Amino acid sequence: MTFTTPPSQAPVLPVSQTQETLARAPRRVDKVPGKKIIRDLGLKVTDQRLLILEVVRRGPNHFTAQDVFEAVVAKNPSVGFATVYRFLRTLSEQDYVSEIRLGGMPARYEWAAKDHHDHLTCTKCNRIVEFENHEIERLQEKVAKEFGFTLNHHVLELYGTCSDCRTK
């Protein structure tokens, strides 16, 4: 499958292509060896964890635990789903992956090596489009300030129907 770019230049990313790879925007941890990441998490380096980390780092942007499990088990059938899920949770807790929950769908994860971005999700085909908009970011800061908040994190998810689904 080929990833396409809509007119807005935001990448359109299918949510179920585990074997596909994408170039990642650097967050310095992209260059860190997997063994170091696992040790930094306070865990023992195992072949299973290294394989899971490889799939996470080289796979599609938005993946479920099931996606990772299927890709991992294709390479090593002895890895269990619980192992994959627990390791994803640990990576999420330590901010190596971001967990996103989009509209009642199973939790999706993405390697946290990218700059902050928001999501548009098609409610018909579940396609996810990532985008950055400095005006939206500025308005969120303004709203937080009006209510006496200092933002340290946020998730913006917009739902609608993509142009492909509208033309069907």
C-alpha atoms as a PDB file:
ATOM      1  CA  MET A   1       0.000   0.000   0.000  1.00  0.00           C
ATOM      2  CA  THR A   2       1.191   3.491  -0.762  1.00  0.00           C
ATOM      3  CA  PHE A   3       0.679   6.390   1.572  1.00  0.00           C
ATOM      4  CA  THR A   4      -0.770   9.420  -0.146  1.00  0.00           C
ATOM      5  CA  THR A   5      -0.797  13.092   0.659  1.00  0.00           C
ATOM      6  CA  PRO A   6      -4.003  15.141   0.309  1.00  0.00           C
ATOM      7  CA  PRO A   7      -3.973  18.719  -0.937  1.00  0.00           C
ATOM      8  CA  SER A   8      -3.417  19.973   2.620  1.00  0.00           C
ATOM      9  CA  GLN A   9      -0.054  18.125   2.591  1.00  0.00           C
ATOM     10  CA  ALA A  10      -0.920  16.283   5.815  1.00  0.00           C
ATOM     11  CA  PRO A  11      -0.080  12.598   5.519  1.00  0.00           C
ATOM     12  CA  VAL A  12      -3.036  10.252   5.098  1.00  0.00           C
ATOM     13  CA  LEU A  13      -2.273   7.170   7.118  1.00  0.00           C
ATOM     14  CA  PRO A  14      -4.193   3.912   6.938  1.00  0.00           C
ATOM     15  CA  VAL A  15      -4.686   2.366  10.352  1.00  0.00           C
ATOM     16  CA  SER A  16      -4.213  -1.313   9.590  1.00  0.00           C
ATOM     17  CA  GLN A  17      -1.066  -1.732   7.485  1.00  0.00           C
ATOM     18  CA  THR A  18       1.324  -3.143  10.072  1.00  0.00           C
ATOM     19  CA  GLN A  19       3.975  -4.285   7.604  1.00  0.00           C
ATOM     20  CA  GLU A  20       4.305  -0.852   5.956  1.00  0.00           C
ATOM     21  CA  THR A  21       7.093   1.447   7.080  1.00  0.00           C
ATOM     22  CA  LEU A  22       7.294   5.195   7.332  1.00  0.00           C
ATOM     23  CA  ALA A  23      10.141   7.572   7.914  1.00  0.00           C
ATOM     24  CA  ARG A  24       9.861   9.048  11.381  1.00  0.00           C
ATOM     25  CA  ALA A  25      10.460  12.641  12.333  1.00  0.00           C
ATOM     26  CA  PRO A  26      13.438  12.653  14.698  1.00  0.00           C
ATOM     27  CA  ARG A  27      13.015  13.007  18.448  1.00  0.00           C
ATOM     28  CA  ARG A  28      16.531  11.943  19.292  1.00  0.00           C
ATOM     29  CA  VAL A  29      15.262   8.546  20.567  1.00  0.00           C
ATOM     30  CA  ASP A  30      14.980   7.416  16.951  1.00  0.00           C
ATOM     31  CA  LYS A  31      18.757   7.154  16.949  1.00  0.00           C
ATOM     32  CA  VAL A  32      18.913   5.422  20.336  1.00  0.00           C
ATOM     33  CA  PRO A  33      19.555   1.673  20.111  1.00  0.00           C
ATOM     34  CA  GLY A  34      16.662  -0.521  21.202  1.00  0.00           C
ATOM     35  CA  LYS A  35      18.737  -2.139  23.923  1.00  0.00           C
ATOM     36  CA  LYS A  36      19.379   1.241  25.532  1.00  0.00           C
ATOM     37  CA  ILE A  37      15.689   2.147  25.453  1.00  0.00           C
ATOM     38  CA  ILE A  38      14.755  -1.133  27.113  1.00  0.00           C
ATOM     39  CA  ARG A  39      17.456  -0.722  29.769  1.00  0.00           C
ATOM     40  CA  ASP A  40      16.354   2.877  30.369  1.00  0.00           C
ATOM     41  CA  LEU A  41      12.870   1.498  31.073  1.00  0.00           C
ATOM     42  CA  GLY A  42      14.430  -0.614  33.821  1.00  0.00           C
ATOM     43  CA  LEU A  43      13.687  -3.832  31.961  1.00  0.00           C
ATOM     44  CA  LYS A  44      15.800  -6.804  30.988  1.00  0.00           C
ATOM     45  CA  VAL A  45      16.737  -6.809  27.303  1.00  0.00           C
ATOM     46  CA  THR A  46      15.060  -9.786  25.638  1.00  0.00           C
ATOM     47  CA  ASP A  47      14.695 -10.835  22.015  1.00  0.00           C
ATOM     48  CA  GLN A  48      10.921 -10.449  22.381  1.00  0.00           C
ATOM     49  CA  ARG A  49      11.151  -6.839  23.594  1.00  0.00           C
ATOM     50  CA  LEU A  50      13.684  -5.974  20.898  1.00  0.00           C
ATOM     51  CA  LEU A  51      11.369  -7.399  18.232  1.00  0.00           C
ATOM     52  CA  ILE A  52       8.336  -5.530  19.593  1.00  0.00           C
ATOM     53  CA  LEU A  53      10.340  -2.300  19.707  1.00  0.00           C
ATOM     54  CA  GLU A  54      11.550  -2.846  16.131  1.00  0.00           C
ATOM     55  CA  VAL A  55       7.965  -3.315  14.893  1.00  0.00           C
ATOM     56  CA  VAL A  56       6.788  -0.219  16.789  1.00  0.00           C
ATOM     57  CA  ARG A  57       9.615   1.963  15.513  1.00  0.00           C
ATOM     58  CA  ARG A  58       9.394   0.864  11.886  1.00  0.00           C
ATOM     59  CA  GLY A  59       5.677   0.239  11.486  1.00  0.00           C
ATOM     60  CA  PRO A  60       2.825   2.510  10.496  1.00  0.00           C
ATOM     61  CA  ASN A  61       2.039   5.643  12.450  1.00  0.00           C
ATOM     62  CA  HIS A  62      -1.195   4.543  14.094  1.00  0.00           C
ATOM     63  CA  PHE A  63      -1.266   0.967  15.280  1.00  0.00           C
ATOM     64  CA  THR A  64      -3.166  -1.148  17.774  1.00  0.00           C
ATOM     65  CA  ALA A  65      -1.697  -3.715  20.136  1.00  0.00           C
ATOM     66  CA  GLN A  66      -3.263  -6.318  17.832  1.00  0.00           C
ATOM     67  CA  ASP A  67      -1.410  -4.858  14.825  1.00  0.00           C
ATOM     68  CA  VAL A  68       1.898  -5.090  16.680  1.00  0.00           C
ATOM     69  CA  PHE A  69       1.112  -8.599  17.915  1.00  0.00           C
ATOM     70  CA  GLU A  70       0.353  -9.844  14.400  1.00  0.00           C
ATOM     71  CA  ALA A  71       3.578  -8.385  13.007  1.00  0.00           C
ATOM     72  CA  VAL A  72       5.642  -9.745  15.893  1.00  0.00           C
ATOM     73  CA  VAL A  73       4.114 -13.227  15.893  1.00  0.00           C
ATOM     74  CA  ALA A  74       4.799 -13.503  12.155  1.00  0.00           C
ATOM     75  CA  LYS A  75       8.506 -13.263  13.041  1.00  0.00           C
ATOM     76  CA  ASN A  76       8.417 -15.068  16.387  1.00  0.00           C
ATOM     77  CA  PRO A  77       5.335 -17.220  17.123  1.00  0.00           C
ATOM     78  CA  SER A  78       6.350 -17.649  20.778  1.00  0.00           C
ATOM     79  CA  VAL A  79       5.504 -14.031  21.667  1.00  0.00           C
ATOM     80  CA  GLY A  80       2.168 -13.715  23.431  1.00  0.00           C
ATOM     81  CA  PHE A  81      -0.362 -10.916  23.128  1.00  0.00           C
ATOM     82  CA  ALA A  82      -0.008 -10.076  26.836  1.00  0.00           C
ATOM     83  CA  THR A  83       3.733  -9.517  26.357  1.00  0.00           C
ATOM     84  CA  VAL A  84       3.086  -7.115  23.496  1.00  0.00           C
ATOM     85  CA  TYR A  85       0.360  -5.266  25.396  1.00  0.00           C
ATOM     86  CA  ARG A  86       2.367  -4.906  28.616  1.00  0.00           C
ATOM     87  CA  PHE A  87       5.408  -3.631  26.740  1.00  0.00           C
ATOM     88  CA  LEU A  88       3.281  -1.108  24.813  1.00  0.00           C
ATOM     89  CA  ARG A  89       1.817   0.110  28.120  1.00  0.00           C
ATOM     90  CA  THR A  90       5.327   0.547  29.527  1.00  0.00           C
ATOM     91  CA  LEU A  91       6.461   2.421  26.416  1.00  0.00           C
ATOM     92  CA  SER A  92       3.368   4.624  26.730  1.00  0.00           C
ATOM     93  CA  GLU A  93       3.892   5.329  30.431  1.00  0.00           C
ATOM     94  CA  GLN A  94       7.457   6.442  29.691  1.00  0.00           C
ATOM     95  CA  ASP A  95       6.426   8.565  26.674  1.00  0.00           C
ATOM     96  CA  TYR A  96       8.173   6.485  24.014  1.00  0.00           C
ATOM     97  CA  VAL A  97       4.798   5.918  22.382  1.00  0.00           C
ATOM     98  CA  SER A  98       1.681   8.031  22.572  1.00  0.00           C
ATOM     99  CA  GLU A  99      -1.626   6.329  23.225  1.00  0.00           C
ATOM    100  CA  ILE A 100      -4.547   7.822  21.373  1.00  0.00           C
ATOM    101  CA  ARG A 101      -8.147   6.821  21.816  1.00  0.00           C
ATOM    102  CA  LEU A 102     -10.143   7.889  18.818  1.00  0.00           C
ATOM    103  CA  GLY A 103     -13.906   7.735  19.124  1.00  0.00           C
ATOM    104  CA  GLY A 104     -14.542   4.429  20.842  1.00  0.00           C
ATOM    105  CA  MET A 105     -12.087   2.505  18.663  1.00  0.00           C
ATOM    106  CA  PRO A 106      -9.415   0.332  20.269  1.00  0.00           C
ATOM    107  CA  ALA A 107      -6.484   2.320  21.623  1.00  0.00           C
ATOM    108  CA  ARG A 108      -4.002   3.224  18.946  1.00  0.00           C
ATOM    109  CA  TYR A 109      -0.395   4.040  19.512  1.00  0.00           C
ATOM    110  CA  GLU A 110       2.212   6.006  17.647  1.00  0.00           C
ATOM    111  CA  TRP A 111       5.933   6.337  18.149  1.00  0.00           C
ATOM    112  CA  ALA A 112       6.375   9.561  20.071  1.00  0.00           C
ATOM    113  CA  ALA A 113       9.353  10.686  18.030  1.00  0.00           C
ATOM    114  CA  LYS A 114       7.273  13.223  16.144  1.00  0.00           C
ATOM    115  CA  ASP A 115       6.526  16.815  16.926  1.00  0.00           C
ATOM    116  CA  HIS A 116       3.110  17.544  18.361  1.00  0.00           C
ATOM    117  CA  HIS A 117       0.254  17.140  15.904  1.00  0.00           C
ATOM    118  CA  ASP A 118      -3.495  16.640  15.936  1.00  0.00           C
ATOM    119  CA  HIS A 119      -5.780  14.181  14.164  1.00  0.00           C
ATOM    120  CA  LEU A 120      -8.710  14.148  11.761  1.00  0.00           C
ATOM    121  CA  THR A 121     -10.501  10.780  11.714  1.00  0.00           C
ATOM    122  CA  CYS A 122     -12.989   9.588   9.123  1.00  0.00           C
ATOM    123  CA  THR A 123     -15.949   8.019  10.896  1.00  0.00           C
ATOM    124  CA  LYS A 124     -16.679   5.770   7.908  1.00  0.00           C
ATOM    125  CA  CYS A 125     -13.303   4.274   6.924  1.00  0.00           C
ATOM    126  CA  ASN A 126     -11.306   5.188  10.079  1.00  0.00           C
ATOM    127  CA  ARG A 127      -8.574   6.860   8.032  1.00  0.00           C
ATOM    128  CA  ILE A 128      -6.504   9.170  10.194  1.00  0.00           C
ATOM    129  CA  VAL A 129      -4.951  12.385   8.905  1.00  0.00           C
ATOM    130  CA  GLU A 130      -2.326  14.112  10.995  1.00  0.00           C
ATOM    131  CA  PHE A 131      -2.078  17.872  10.853  1.00  0.00           C
ATOM    132  CA  GLU A 132      -0.420  20.823  12.505  1.00  0.00           C
ATOM    133  CA  ASN A 133      -2.107  24.189  12.794  1.00  0.00           C
ATOM    134  CA  HIS A 134      -0.390  26.978  14.675  1.00  0.00           C
ATOM    135  CA  GLU A 135      -3.596  29.013  14.968  1.00  0.00           C
ATOM    136  CA  ILE A 136      -5.368  26.138  16.741  1.00  0.00           C
ATOM    137  CA  GLU A 137      -2.396  25.765  19.088  1.00  0.00           C
ATOM    138  CA  ARG A 138      -2.456  29.501  19.822  1.00  0.00           C
ATOM    139  CA  LEU A 139      -6.207  29.426  20.531  1.00  0.00           C
ATOM    140  CA  GLN A 140      -5.824  26.465  22.902  1.00  0.00           C
ATOM    141  CA  GLU A 141      -3.170  28.356  24.854  1.00  0.00           C
ATOM    142  CA  LYS A 142      -5.458  31.402  24.974  1.00  0.00           C
ATOM    143  CA  VAL A 143      -8.429  29.377  26.258  1.00  0.00           C
ATOM    144  CA  ALA A 144      -6.273  27.675  28.883  1.00  0.00           C
ATOM    145  CA  LYS A 145      -4.955  31.041  30.066  1.00  0.00           C
ATOM    146  CA  GLU A 146      -8.484  32.485  30.293  1.00  0.00           C
ATOM    147  CA  PHE A 147      -9.388  29.666  32.694  1.00  0.00           C
ATOM    148  CA  GLY A 148      -6.171  29.911  34.683  1.00  0.00           C
ATOM    149  CA  PHE A 149      -4.532  26.815  33.230  1.00  0.00           C
ATOM    150  CA  THR A 150      -1.036  26.194  31.981  1.00  0.00           C
ATOM    151  CA  LEU A 151      -1.107  23.519  29.287  1.00  0.00           C
ATOM    152  CA  ASN A 152       1.395  20.714  29.519  1.00  0.00           C
ATOM    153  CA  HIS A 153      -0.306  18.325  27.101  1.00  0.00           C
ATOM    154  CA  HIS A 154      -3.398  18.039  24.940  1.00  0.00           C
ATOM    155  CA  VAL A 155      -5.035  15.825  22.353  1.00  0.00           C
ATOM    156  CA  LEU A 156      -7.199  17.256  19.611  1.00  0.00           C
ATOM    157  CA  GLU A 157      -9.279  14.797  17.633  1.00  0.00           C
ATOM    158  CA  LEU A 158     -11.669  15.949  14.939  1.00  0.00           C
ATOM    159  CA  TYR A 159     -14.172  13.540  13.400  1.00  0.00           C
ATOM    160  CA  GLY A 160     -15.878  13.707  10.038  1.00  0.00           C
ATOM    161  CA  THR A 161     -16.150  12.036   6.664  1.00  0.00           C
ATOM    162  CA  CYS A 162     -13.197  12.075   4.290  1.00  0.00           C
ATOM    163  CA  SER A 163     -13.549  13.108   0.662  1.00  0.00           C
ATOM    164  CA  ASP A 164     -13.147   9.517  -0.570  1.00  0.00           C
ATOM    165  CA  CYS A 165     -16.052   8.291   1.576  1.00  0.00           C
ATOM    166  CA  ARG A 166     -18.219  11.273   0.616  1.00  0.00           C
ATOM    167  CA  THR A 167     -17.813  10.482  -3.091  1.00  0.00           C
ATOM    168  CA  LYS A 168     -18.777   6.807  -2.644  1.00  0.00           C
END
